[in-house]
Protein backbone atom coordinates (compact mmCIF):
# COMPACT_ATOMS: atom_id res chain seq x y z
CA UNK A 1 28.67 -200.12 142.06
CA UNK A 2 30.96 -199.28 139.16
CA UNK A 3 34.45 -198.09 139.89
CA UNK A 4 35.17 -194.40 139.34
CA UNK A 5 38.88 -193.69 138.76
CA UNK A 6 40.18 -190.35 137.49
CA UNK A 7 43.63 -189.00 136.74
CA UNK A 8 44.23 -185.31 137.27
CA UNK A 9 46.49 -182.50 138.35
CA UNK A 10 45.32 -182.00 141.94
CA UNK A 11 43.98 -178.98 143.76
CA UNK A 12 45.98 -177.60 146.70
CA UNK A 13 43.39 -179.16 149.03
CA UNK A 14 44.02 -182.58 147.46
CA UNK A 15 47.79 -182.06 147.62
CA UNK A 16 47.61 -181.17 151.29
CA UNK A 17 45.49 -184.26 152.03
CA UNK A 18 47.93 -186.55 150.21
CA UNK A 19 50.96 -185.06 151.95
CA UNK A 20 49.31 -185.34 155.36
CA UNK A 21 48.62 -189.01 154.60
CA UNK A 22 52.28 -189.58 153.64
CA UNK A 23 53.51 -187.80 156.79
CA UNK A 24 51.18 -189.91 158.95
CA UNK A 25 52.51 -193.11 157.29
CA UNK A 26 56.18 -192.08 157.41
CA UNK A 27 57.20 -193.32 160.87
CA UNK A 28 60.84 -192.52 161.64
CA UNK A 29 61.26 -190.56 158.38
CA UNK A 30 58.63 -188.00 159.37
CA UNK A 31 61.05 -185.03 159.28
CA UNK A 32 61.94 -185.81 155.63
CA UNK A 33 58.26 -185.94 154.66
CA UNK A 34 57.48 -182.63 156.38
CA UNK A 35 60.31 -180.94 154.43
CA UNK A 36 59.27 -182.63 151.18
CA UNK A 37 55.66 -181.46 151.62
CA UNK A 38 56.71 -177.83 152.00
CA UNK A 39 59.14 -178.03 149.03
CA UNK A 40 56.67 -179.85 146.81
CA UNK A 41 53.85 -177.37 147.29
CA UNK A 42 56.18 -174.37 146.88
CA UNK A 43 57.76 -175.85 143.74
CA UNK A 44 54.31 -176.41 142.24
CA UNK A 45 53.29 -172.82 143.02
CA UNK A 46 56.45 -171.60 141.24
CA UNK A 47 55.78 -173.74 138.16
CA UNK A 48 58.80 -175.99 138.75
CA UNK A 49 56.77 -179.20 139.16
CA UNK A 50 53.44 -180.72 138.19
CA UNK A 51 51.87 -183.32 140.49
CA UNK A 52 49.59 -185.98 139.02
CA UNK A 53 47.12 -187.97 141.13
CA UNK A 54 45.04 -191.07 140.54
CA UNK A 55 41.79 -190.87 142.51
CA UNK A 56 39.53 -193.88 143.01
CA UNK A 57 36.01 -193.11 144.20
CA UNK A 58 37.24 -189.93 145.90
CA UNK A 59 40.37 -191.45 147.49
CA UNK A 60 43.87 -190.53 146.28
CA UNK A 61 45.50 -193.92 145.63
CA UNK A 62 48.49 -193.12 143.43
CA UNK A 63 50.69 -190.23 142.41
CA UNK A 64 53.67 -189.11 140.38
CA UNK A 65 55.44 -185.79 139.96
CA UNK A 66 56.95 -184.18 136.86
CA UNK A 67 59.91 -181.94 137.69
CA UNK A 68 60.35 -179.25 135.05
CA UNK A 69 63.27 -177.16 136.30
CA UNK A 70 66.92 -178.05 137.07
CA UNK A 71 66.65 -176.10 140.32
CA UNK A 72 64.46 -178.83 141.86
CA UNK A 73 66.30 -181.94 140.60
CA UNK A 74 69.45 -183.25 142.25
CA UNK A 75 72.22 -184.05 139.72
CA UNK A 76 70.09 -182.26 137.13
CA UNK A 77 72.62 -182.13 134.26
CA UNK A 78 71.27 -184.39 131.50
CA UNK A 79 68.06 -185.05 133.44
CA UNK A 80 65.91 -181.95 132.93
CA UNK A 81 65.80 -179.07 130.44
CA UNK A 82 63.26 -177.29 128.25
CA UNK A 83 62.42 -180.56 126.42
CA UNK A 84 63.29 -183.13 129.11
CA UNK A 85 61.24 -183.73 132.25
CA UNK A 86 62.37 -185.61 135.36
CA UNK A 87 59.73 -187.91 136.85
CA UNK A 88 59.64 -188.79 140.54
CA UNK A 89 57.51 -189.70 143.55
CA UNK A 90 55.86 -192.74 141.96
CA UNK A 91 53.66 -193.99 144.78
CA UNK A 92 50.61 -196.23 145.02
CA UNK A 93 48.88 -197.22 148.24
CA UNK A 94 49.81 -200.89 148.75
CA UNK A 95 46.29 -202.36 148.54
CA UNK A 96 45.90 -200.84 145.05
CA UNK A 97 49.28 -201.95 143.64
CA UNK A 98 49.32 -204.32 140.69
CA UNK A 99 45.80 -203.42 139.54
CA UNK A 100 46.69 -201.07 136.68
CA UNK A 101 45.86 -197.79 138.40
CA UNK A 102 49.38 -196.39 138.36
CA UNK A 103 49.78 -197.46 134.73
CA UNK A 104 46.71 -195.40 133.81
CA UNK A 105 48.09 -192.43 135.77
CA UNK A 106 51.51 -192.79 134.11
CA UNK A 107 49.99 -192.72 130.61
CA UNK A 108 47.83 -189.71 131.54
CA UNK A 109 50.94 -187.90 132.81
CA UNK A 110 53.04 -188.73 129.74
CA UNK A 111 50.25 -187.62 127.38
CA UNK A 112 49.93 -184.32 129.26
CA UNK A 113 53.70 -183.73 129.24
CA UNK A 114 53.91 -184.51 125.52
CA UNK A 115 51.16 -181.95 124.88
CA UNK A 116 53.22 -179.46 126.89
CA UNK A 117 56.15 -179.99 124.48
CA UNK A 118 58.35 -182.44 126.36
CA UNK A 119 60.07 -185.02 124.16
CA UNK A 120 62.04 -187.00 126.76
CA UNK A 121 61.51 -188.20 130.33
CA UNK A 122 64.08 -189.27 132.89
CA UNK A 123 63.95 -190.83 136.35
CA UNK A 124 66.22 -192.13 139.08
CA UNK A 125 66.24 -195.43 140.89
CA UNK A 126 68.29 -196.94 143.69
CA UNK A 127 70.31 -199.85 142.24
CA UNK A 128 68.96 -202.24 144.90
CA UNK A 129 65.31 -201.63 143.87
CA UNK A 130 65.15 -204.49 141.37
CA UNK A 131 61.33 -204.68 141.27
CA UNK A 132 61.04 -200.97 140.45
CA UNK A 133 63.82 -201.24 137.88
CA UNK A 134 61.85 -203.99 136.10
CA UNK A 135 58.70 -201.85 136.12
CA UNK A 136 60.52 -198.79 134.76
CA UNK A 137 62.11 -200.91 132.04
CA UNK A 138 58.61 -202.06 130.98
CA UNK A 139 57.63 -198.37 130.79
CA UNK A 140 60.54 -197.84 128.38
CA UNK A 141 63.19 -196.31 130.66
CA UNK A 142 66.09 -198.25 129.16
CA UNK A 143 68.56 -195.48 128.26
CA UNK A 144 71.16 -195.40 131.02
CA UNK A 145 72.21 -191.78 131.60
CA UNK A 146 74.48 -191.74 134.66
CA UNK A 147 74.86 -192.60 138.35
CA UNK A 148 75.03 -190.25 141.28
CA UNK A 149 74.25 -189.65 144.92
CA UNK A 150 71.15 -187.95 146.30
CA UNK A 151 70.72 -186.37 149.70
CA UNK A 152 67.67 -186.52 151.96
CA UNK A 153 66.77 -183.58 154.21
CA UNK A 154 67.92 -185.55 157.28
CA UNK A 155 71.39 -186.07 155.75
CA UNK A 156 70.91 -189.64 154.51
CA UNK A 157 72.74 -190.31 151.23
CA UNK A 158 71.57 -192.80 148.60
CA UNK A 159 73.06 -194.11 145.36
CA UNK A 160 70.92 -193.52 142.28
CA UNK A 161 71.04 -194.67 138.66
CA UNK A 162 69.31 -192.42 136.11
CA UNK A 163 67.47 -193.64 133.02
CA UNK A 164 65.61 -191.96 130.19
CA UNK A 165 63.09 -192.59 127.44
CA UNK A 166 61.78 -190.73 124.43
CA UNK A 167 58.18 -189.60 124.77
CA UNK A 168 56.46 -190.90 121.65
């Protein structure tokens, strides 16, 4: 059987399925995921975000979200405006990591955002996430923008470094 992988902006049914999967996998952080699901779907309905999914043979295996409005990005100054998009929620189910699926989704997302008129992308990373920092550097996120703190729905606070890249 040949592999069938597609990248797309999901339907609400697909979004709900993916969020229910994340909530089921979340363990002790379940309350955060329930809040994030509600916010994410509402923000998409309002045009503040665009979710992107990678689907392999009918199963959602990876995702990323483009955040288009300062209202939905913590520490938004310098991270999102009419030409700059903030990227978040990069997730791939563990058994599919390292196989190029997320890379294909990332390029699909960047191409779509470029067509929508965005010329720069930004993202945030916790300083201790060295593996992710290496990956984002390979994707071209080398312009250090600033550091800040972000707050989870349950009150947890994390340190974040923000990086950017020009969308070429």
